[in-house]
Amino acid sequence: MSLAVNVTATDALHDLQVLDAEQIEAMPWTELVGCAGVEQKVLWNLGGFTQALIRYAPGSATAGDPHLAAHHHVWVHSGSITFAGRRLTAGSYAHVPPGVAHPATEVGPRGCIVLQMHRPHPPREGERLAVQS
């Protein structure tokens, strides 16, 4: 478990956490392992719940292999990208449920920055959803 801000896990569950624009700007970009030209700034991470800015350089890509036990929520902050076969531009949003491939390709000429929220799904979520259908 890690937190981008200097707080304990207990604090993270009970206290307001704020990063202003200057603090986020000062955070270093770190390369995603195995993804040349793709970097991240983790804003918050606790127990697999992760909120991060992901920056794609023109020509970069990620494989987007399916995650069997997590949802991804992606909001495009700037630029454009083809995500899971759909062209997304600034202001676009995508939800990736467990088990769905979501390659990120065809980054626009100015690159692309997305806010990605990774949420592990609770145990037996699939069973509960099947009952509701």
N, C-alpha and C. Protein backbone atom coordinates (compact mmCIF):
# COMPACT_ATOMS: atom_id res chain seq x y z
N MET A 1 0.85 -1.17 0.00
CA MET A 1 0.00 0.00 0.00
C MET A 1 0.89 1.23 0.00
N SER A 2 0.52 2.20 -0.81
CA SER A 2 1.25 3.47 -0.78
C SER A 2 0.26 4.60 -1.02
N LEU A 3 0.61 5.74 -0.53
CA LEU A 3 -0.19 6.93 -0.72
C LEU A 3 0.70 7.99 -1.34
N ALA A 4 0.19 8.69 -2.32
CA ALA A 4 0.98 9.74 -2.96
C ALA A 4 1.20 10.91 -2.01
N VAL A 5 0.25 11.11 -1.11
CA VAL A 5 0.41 12.15 -0.11
C VAL A 5 0.92 11.48 1.16
N ASN A 6 1.58 12.22 2.03
CA ASN A 6 2.19 11.65 3.22
C ASN A 6 1.19 11.49 4.35
N VAL A 7 0.38 10.46 4.27
CA VAL A 7 -0.61 10.17 5.30
C VAL A 7 -0.63 8.67 5.55
N THR A 8 -1.21 8.27 6.65
CA THR A 8 -1.36 6.85 6.94
C THR A 8 -2.63 6.33 6.26
N ALA A 9 -2.78 5.01 6.21
CA ALA A 9 -3.97 4.41 5.63
C ALA A 9 -5.22 4.86 6.40
N THR A 10 -5.12 4.94 7.69
CA THR A 10 -6.26 5.38 8.50
C THR A 10 -6.64 6.81 8.16
N ASP A 11 -5.64 7.69 8.04
CA ASP A 11 -5.91 9.07 7.66
C ASP A 11 -6.60 9.13 6.29
N ALA A 12 -6.13 8.30 5.37
CA ALA A 12 -6.67 8.32 4.00
C ALA A 12 -8.14 7.95 3.97
N LEU A 13 -8.59 7.16 4.91
CA LEU A 13 -9.98 6.74 4.94
C LEU A 13 -10.89 7.72 5.67
N HIS A 14 -10.31 8.66 6.41
CA HIS A 14 -11.13 9.54 7.23
C HIS A 14 -10.89 11.03 7.01
N ASP A 15 -9.76 11.39 6.44
CA ASP A 15 -9.41 12.80 6.31
C ASP A 15 -9.44 13.25 4.85
N LEU A 16 -9.81 14.48 4.66
CA LEU A 16 -9.77 15.08 3.34
C LEU A 16 -8.32 15.14 2.87
N GLN A 17 -8.08 14.70 1.64
CA GLN A 17 -6.75 14.76 1.05
C GLN A 17 -6.80 15.72 -0.14
N VAL A 18 -5.91 16.68 -0.17
CA VAL A 18 -5.90 17.67 -1.24
C VAL A 18 -4.49 17.82 -1.78
N LEU A 19 -4.38 17.81 -3.10
CA LEU A 19 -3.14 18.15 -3.79
C LEU A 19 -3.48 19.34 -4.68
N ASP A 20 -2.84 20.48 -4.44
CA ASP A 20 -3.13 21.62 -5.31
C ASP A 20 -2.31 21.49 -6.60
N ALA A 21 -2.61 22.36 -7.53
CA ALA A 21 -1.97 22.29 -8.85
C ALA A 21 -0.45 22.34 -8.77
N GLU A 22 0.09 23.15 -7.88
CA GLU A 22 1.54 23.26 -7.73
C GLU A 22 2.14 21.95 -7.22
N GLN A 23 1.48 21.31 -6.27
CA GLN A 23 1.98 20.03 -5.75
C GLN A 23 1.96 18.96 -6.84
N ILE A 24 0.90 18.92 -7.61
CA ILE A 24 0.83 17.93 -8.69
C ILE A 24 1.89 18.21 -9.74
N GLU A 25 2.05 19.47 -10.09
CA GLU A 25 3.08 19.84 -11.07
C GLU A 25 4.47 19.44 -10.60
N ALA A 26 4.73 19.56 -9.30
CA ALA A 26 6.05 19.25 -8.74
C ALA A 26 6.32 17.75 -8.66
N MET A 27 5.28 16.94 -8.70
CA MET A 27 5.48 15.49 -8.64
C MET A 27 6.20 15.01 -9.89
N PRO A 28 7.15 14.09 -9.75
CA PRO A 28 7.84 13.60 -10.94
C PRO A 28 6.97 12.63 -11.74
N TRP A 29 7.14 12.63 -13.05
CA TRP A 29 6.54 11.61 -13.89
C TRP A 29 7.43 10.38 -13.80
N THR A 30 6.86 9.20 -13.65
CA THR A 30 7.64 7.96 -13.63
C THR A 30 7.19 7.08 -14.79
N GLU A 31 8.15 6.47 -15.46
CA GLU A 31 7.83 5.66 -16.63
C GLU A 31 7.10 4.39 -16.21
N LEU A 32 6.07 4.04 -16.99
CA LEU A 32 5.40 2.75 -16.78
C LEU A 32 6.32 1.67 -17.33
N VAL A 33 6.62 0.68 -16.54
CA VAL A 33 7.54 -0.38 -16.93
C VAL A 33 7.03 -1.07 -18.20
N GLY A 34 7.89 -1.18 -19.18
CA GLY A 34 7.55 -1.86 -20.42
C GLY A 34 6.73 -1.05 -21.40
N CYS A 35 6.52 0.23 -21.11
CA CYS A 35 5.70 1.07 -21.99
C CYS A 35 6.47 2.35 -22.32
N ALA A 36 7.34 2.28 -23.30
CA ALA A 36 8.14 3.44 -23.68
C ALA A 36 7.25 4.62 -24.04
N GLY A 37 7.56 5.78 -23.49
CA GLY A 37 6.82 6.98 -23.80
C GLY A 37 5.54 7.16 -22.99
N VAL A 38 5.32 6.28 -22.00
CA VAL A 38 4.13 6.38 -21.16
C VAL A 38 4.59 6.57 -19.72
N GLU A 39 4.10 7.64 -19.09
CA GLU A 39 4.53 7.98 -17.74
C GLU A 39 3.31 8.23 -16.86
N GLN A 40 3.53 8.16 -15.55
CA GLN A 40 2.42 8.38 -14.62
C GLN A 40 2.82 9.23 -13.43
N LYS A 41 1.82 9.85 -12.84
CA LYS A 41 1.92 10.51 -11.54
C LYS A 41 0.80 9.90 -10.71
N VAL A 42 1.15 9.13 -9.70
CA VAL A 42 0.14 8.52 -8.85
C VAL A 42 -0.31 9.57 -7.84
N LEU A 43 -1.60 9.90 -7.90
CA LEU A 43 -2.16 10.91 -7.01
C LEU A 43 -2.62 10.30 -5.69
N TRP A 44 -3.10 9.06 -5.74
CA TRP A 44 -3.60 8.40 -4.54
C TRP A 44 -3.64 6.91 -4.79
N ASN A 45 -3.20 6.13 -3.81
CA ASN A 45 -3.19 4.68 -3.94
C ASN A 45 -3.37 4.08 -2.56
N LEU A 46 -4.39 3.25 -2.43
CA LEU A 46 -4.64 2.58 -1.16
C LEU A 46 -5.30 1.24 -1.44
N GLY A 47 -4.60 0.17 -1.12
CA GLY A 47 -5.17 -1.16 -1.26
C GLY A 47 -5.63 -1.52 -2.66
N GLY A 48 -4.93 -1.08 -3.67
CA GLY A 48 -5.30 -1.38 -5.05
C GLY A 48 -6.18 -0.34 -5.72
N PHE A 49 -6.77 0.55 -4.92
CA PHE A 49 -7.51 1.68 -5.48
C PHE A 49 -6.47 2.72 -5.85
N THR A 50 -6.38 3.05 -7.12
CA THR A 50 -5.34 3.97 -7.57
C THR A 50 -5.92 5.03 -8.47
N GLN A 51 -5.56 6.27 -8.21
CA GLN A 51 -5.89 7.40 -9.07
C GLN A 51 -4.57 7.96 -9.57
N ALA A 52 -4.42 8.02 -10.89
CA ALA A 52 -3.15 8.48 -11.46
C ALA A 52 -3.37 9.25 -12.75
N LEU A 53 -2.50 10.20 -12.99
CA LEU A 53 -2.42 10.84 -14.29
C LEU A 53 -1.49 9.99 -15.14
N ILE A 54 -1.91 9.67 -16.34
CA ILE A 54 -1.09 8.90 -17.28
C ILE A 54 -0.83 9.79 -18.48
N ARG A 55 0.45 9.94 -18.83
CA ARG A 55 0.84 10.79 -19.96
C ARG A 55 1.40 9.91 -21.07
N TYR A 56 0.78 10.00 -22.24
CA TYR A 56 1.20 9.26 -23.43
C TYR A 56 1.90 10.22 -24.38
N ALA A 57 3.11 9.89 -24.78
CA ALA A 57 3.81 10.66 -25.81
C ALA A 57 3.28 10.23 -27.18
N PRO A 58 3.35 11.12 -28.18
CA PRO A 58 2.95 10.70 -29.53
C PRO A 58 3.68 9.43 -29.93
N GLY A 59 2.96 8.49 -30.51
CA GLY A 59 3.56 7.22 -30.95
C GLY A 59 3.64 6.16 -29.87
N SER A 60 3.33 6.47 -28.63
CA SER A 60 3.39 5.47 -27.57
C SER A 60 2.08 4.68 -27.53
N ALA A 61 2.09 3.60 -26.75
CA ALA A 61 0.90 2.76 -26.63
C ALA A 61 1.01 1.90 -25.38
N THR A 62 -0.13 1.39 -24.95
CA THR A 62 -0.15 0.37 -23.90
C THR A 62 -1.01 -0.78 -24.39
N ALA A 63 -0.66 -2.00 -23.96
CA ALA A 63 -1.35 -3.20 -24.45
C ALA A 63 -2.79 -3.28 -23.96
N GLY A 64 -3.06 -2.80 -22.76
CA GLY A 64 -4.43 -2.83 -22.24
C GLY A 64 -4.97 -4.22 -22.03
N ASP A 65 -4.12 -5.11 -21.51
CA ASP A 65 -4.58 -6.46 -21.23
C ASP A 65 -5.72 -6.43 -20.22
N PRO A 66 -6.67 -7.35 -20.33
CA PRO A 66 -7.80 -7.35 -19.40
C PRO A 66 -7.36 -7.57 -17.96
N HIS A 67 -8.01 -6.89 -17.05
CA HIS A 67 -7.82 -7.10 -15.62
C HIS A 67 -9.05 -7.87 -15.16
N LEU A 68 -8.84 -9.02 -14.58
CA LEU A 68 -9.97 -9.86 -14.23
C LEU A 68 -10.66 -9.44 -12.94
N ALA A 69 -10.03 -8.59 -12.16
CA ALA A 69 -10.62 -8.25 -10.86
C ALA A 69 -10.61 -6.75 -10.59
N ALA A 70 -10.76 -5.94 -11.64
CA ALA A 70 -10.75 -4.49 -11.41
C ALA A 70 -11.52 -3.76 -12.50
N HIS A 71 -12.06 -2.63 -12.12
CA HIS A 71 -12.67 -1.68 -13.04
C HIS A 71 -11.67 -0.56 -13.28
N HIS A 72 -11.64 -0.03 -14.49
CA HIS A 72 -10.87 1.17 -14.80
C HIS A 72 -11.86 2.24 -15.23
N HIS A 73 -11.63 3.43 -14.75
CA HIS A 73 -12.37 4.59 -15.22
C HIS A 73 -11.31 5.53 -15.79
N VAL A 74 -11.53 6.01 -16.99
CA VAL A 74 -10.54 6.84 -17.68
C VAL A 74 -11.24 8.10 -18.18
N TRP A 75 -10.66 9.25 -17.84
CA TRP A 75 -11.15 10.53 -18.32
C TRP A 75 -9.99 11.22 -19.03
N VAL A 76 -10.21 11.65 -20.27
CA VAL A 76 -9.16 12.29 -21.06
C VAL A 76 -9.09 13.77 -20.68
N HIS A 77 -7.94 14.14 -20.14
CA HIS A 77 -7.71 15.53 -19.74
C HIS A 77 -7.32 16.39 -20.93
N SER A 78 -6.37 15.89 -21.73
CA SER A 78 -5.91 16.66 -22.89
C SER A 78 -5.43 15.71 -23.98
N GLY A 79 -5.47 16.21 -25.21
CA GLY A 79 -5.01 15.42 -26.34
C GLY A 79 -6.07 14.44 -26.82
N SER A 80 -5.60 13.42 -27.54
CA SER A 80 -6.51 12.40 -28.06
C SER A 80 -5.79 11.06 -28.12
N ILE A 81 -6.59 10.00 -28.11
CA ILE A 81 -6.05 8.64 -28.08
C ILE A 81 -7.14 7.68 -28.54
N THR A 82 -6.75 6.57 -29.14
CA THR A 82 -7.70 5.50 -29.41
C THR A 82 -7.60 4.53 -28.25
N PHE A 83 -8.71 4.35 -27.56
CA PHE A 83 -8.75 3.56 -26.33
C PHE A 83 -9.82 2.48 -26.50
N ALA A 84 -9.39 1.23 -26.42
CA ALA A 84 -10.31 0.09 -26.60
C ALA A 84 -11.07 0.21 -27.93
N GLY A 85 -10.38 0.69 -28.95
CA GLY A 85 -10.97 0.78 -30.28
C GLY A 85 -11.83 2.00 -30.54
N ARG A 86 -11.92 2.89 -29.57
CA ARG A 86 -12.74 4.10 -29.74
C ARG A 86 -11.86 5.34 -29.63
N ARG A 87 -12.11 6.29 -30.49
CA ARG A 87 -11.33 7.54 -30.47
C ARG A 87 -11.86 8.43 -29.35
N LEU A 88 -10.98 8.81 -28.43
CA LEU A 88 -11.34 9.67 -27.32
C LEU A 88 -10.56 10.98 -27.42
N THR A 89 -11.23 12.07 -27.15
CA THR A 89 -10.60 13.39 -27.12
C THR A 89 -10.84 14.01 -25.75
N ALA A 90 -10.22 15.17 -25.51
CA ALA A 90 -10.33 15.84 -24.21
C ALA A 90 -11.78 15.94 -23.78
N GLY A 91 -12.03 15.54 -22.53
CA GLY A 91 -13.37 15.55 -21.98
C GLY A 91 -14.10 14.23 -22.09
N SER A 92 -13.55 13.27 -22.84
CA SER A 92 -14.17 11.95 -22.99
C SER A 92 -13.94 11.09 -21.77
N TYR A 93 -14.83 10.11 -21.56
CA TYR A 93 -14.76 9.20 -20.42
C TYR A 93 -14.99 7.78 -20.92
N ALA A 94 -14.31 6.82 -20.29
CA ALA A 94 -14.53 5.41 -20.58
C ALA A 94 -14.51 4.61 -19.28
N HIS A 95 -15.38 3.62 -19.19
CA HIS A 95 -15.37 2.66 -18.09
C HIS A 95 -14.98 1.31 -18.67
N VAL A 96 -13.98 0.67 -18.07
CA VAL A 96 -13.53 -0.64 -18.51
C VAL A 96 -13.86 -1.65 -17.41
N PRO A 97 -14.86 -2.50 -17.64
CA PRO A 97 -15.19 -3.50 -16.62
C PRO A 97 -14.16 -4.63 -16.60
N PRO A 98 -14.17 -5.44 -15.55
CA PRO A 98 -13.24 -6.57 -15.49
C PRO A 98 -13.35 -7.45 -16.73
N GLY A 99 -12.18 -7.90 -17.20
CA GLY A 99 -12.14 -8.84 -18.31
C GLY A 99 -12.16 -8.24 -19.70
N VAL A 100 -12.20 -6.91 -19.81
CA VAL A 100 -12.28 -6.26 -21.13
C VAL A 100 -10.91 -5.70 -21.52
N ALA A 101 -10.44 -6.07 -22.71
CA ALA A 101 -9.18 -5.53 -23.22
C ALA A 101 -9.36 -4.04 -23.52
N HIS A 102 -8.32 -3.27 -23.28
CA HIS A 102 -8.42 -1.82 -23.47
C HIS A 102 -7.08 -1.23 -23.93
N PRO A 103 -6.61 -1.67 -25.13
CA PRO A 103 -5.36 -1.10 -25.62
C PRO A 103 -5.49 0.39 -25.88
N ALA A 104 -4.43 1.11 -25.60
CA ALA A 104 -4.36 2.55 -25.87
C ALA A 104 -3.35 2.74 -27.00
N THR A 105 -3.82 3.25 -28.13
CA THR A 105 -2.99 3.39 -29.33
C THR A 105 -3.29 4.73 -30.00
N GLU A 106 -2.64 4.99 -31.09
CA GLU A 106 -2.91 6.16 -31.94
C GLU A 106 -3.03 7.45 -31.14
N VAL A 107 -2.00 7.71 -30.36
CA VAL A 107 -1.96 8.94 -29.57
C VAL A 107 -1.84 10.12 -30.52
N GLY A 108 -2.59 11.17 -30.22
CA GLY A 108 -2.58 12.36 -31.07
C GLY A 108 -1.21 13.02 -31.13
N PRO A 109 -1.01 13.95 -32.07
CA PRO A 109 0.30 14.56 -32.30
C PRO A 109 0.81 15.38 -31.12
N ARG A 110 -0.06 15.82 -30.22
CA ARG A 110 0.38 16.57 -29.03
C ARG A 110 0.46 15.69 -27.80
N GLY A 111 0.29 14.37 -27.98
CA GLY A 111 0.27 13.47 -26.85
C GLY A 111 -1.11 13.44 -26.21
N CYS A 112 -1.18 12.83 -25.04
CA CYS A 112 -2.46 12.68 -24.36
C CYS A 112 -2.21 12.49 -22.86
N ILE A 113 -3.02 13.14 -22.04
CA ILE A 113 -2.98 12.92 -20.60
C ILE A 113 -4.37 12.47 -20.17
N VAL A 114 -4.41 11.36 -19.42
CA VAL A 114 -5.68 10.85 -18.91
C VAL A 114 -5.60 10.74 -17.39
N LEU A 115 -6.75 10.86 -16.76
CA LEU A 115 -6.89 10.52 -15.35
C LEU A 115 -7.45 9.11 -15.33
N GLN A 116 -6.69 8.20 -14.75
CA GLN A 116 -7.12 6.80 -14.68
C GLN A 116 -7.41 6.45 -13.23
N MET A 117 -8.58 5.89 -13.02
CA MET A 117 -8.98 5.43 -11.69
C MET A 117 -9.14 3.92 -11.76
N HIS A 118 -8.36 3.22 -10.97
CA HIS A 118 -8.36 1.76 -10.95
C HIS A 118 -9.03 1.31 -9.66
N ARG A 119 -10.12 0.55 -9.80
CA ARG A 119 -10.86 0.11 -8.62
C ARG A 119 -11.03 -1.40 -8.65
N PRO A 120 -10.37 -2.10 -7.72
CA PRO A 120 -10.61 -3.55 -7.64
C PRO A 120 -12.09 -3.79 -7.34
N HIS A 121 -12.66 -4.80 -7.96
CA HIS A 121 -14.07 -5.04 -7.65
C HIS A 121 -14.18 -5.90 -6.40
N PRO A 122 -15.23 -5.67 -5.64
CA PRO A 122 -15.40 -6.43 -4.40
C PRO A 122 -15.65 -7.90 -4.69
N PRO A 123 -15.30 -8.77 -3.76
CA PRO A 123 -15.56 -10.20 -3.95
C PRO A 123 -17.04 -10.44 -4.25
N ARG A 124 -17.29 -11.35 -5.17
CA ARG A 124 -18.64 -11.80 -5.54
C ARG A 124 -19.46 -10.72 -6.25
N GLU A 125 -18.81 -9.65 -6.73
CA GLU A 125 -19.54 -8.61 -7.45
C GLU A 125 -20.26 -9.19 -8.67
N GLY A 126 -19.59 -10.06 -9.41
CA GLY A 126 -20.19 -10.67 -10.59
C GLY A 126 -21.46 -11.44 -10.27
N GLU A 127 -21.45 -12.15 -9.15
CA GLU A 127 -22.65 -12.88 -8.75
C GLU A 127 -23.79 -11.92 -8.45
N ARG A 128 -23.51 -10.84 -7.77
CA ARG A 128 -24.56 -9.85 -7.43
C ARG A 128 -25.12 -9.21 -8.71
N LEU A 129 -24.25 -8.91 -9.66
CA LEU A 129 -24.71 -8.30 -10.91
C LEU A 129 -25.56 -9.26 -11.71
N ALA A 130 -25.21 -10.55 -11.71
CA ALA A 130 -25.98 -11.54 -12.45
C ALA A 130 -27.39 -11.64 -11.89
N VAL A 131 -27.54 -11.53 -10.60
CA VAL A 131 -28.86 -11.60 -9.96
C VAL A 131 -29.71 -10.41 -10.37
N GLN A 132 -29.09 -9.24 -10.55
CA GLN A 132 -29.83 -8.02 -10.89
C GLN A 132 -30.29 -8.03 -12.35
N SER A 133 -29.63 -8.78 -13.19
CA SER A 133 -29.95 -8.79 -14.64
C SER A 133 -31.27 -9.45 -14.92
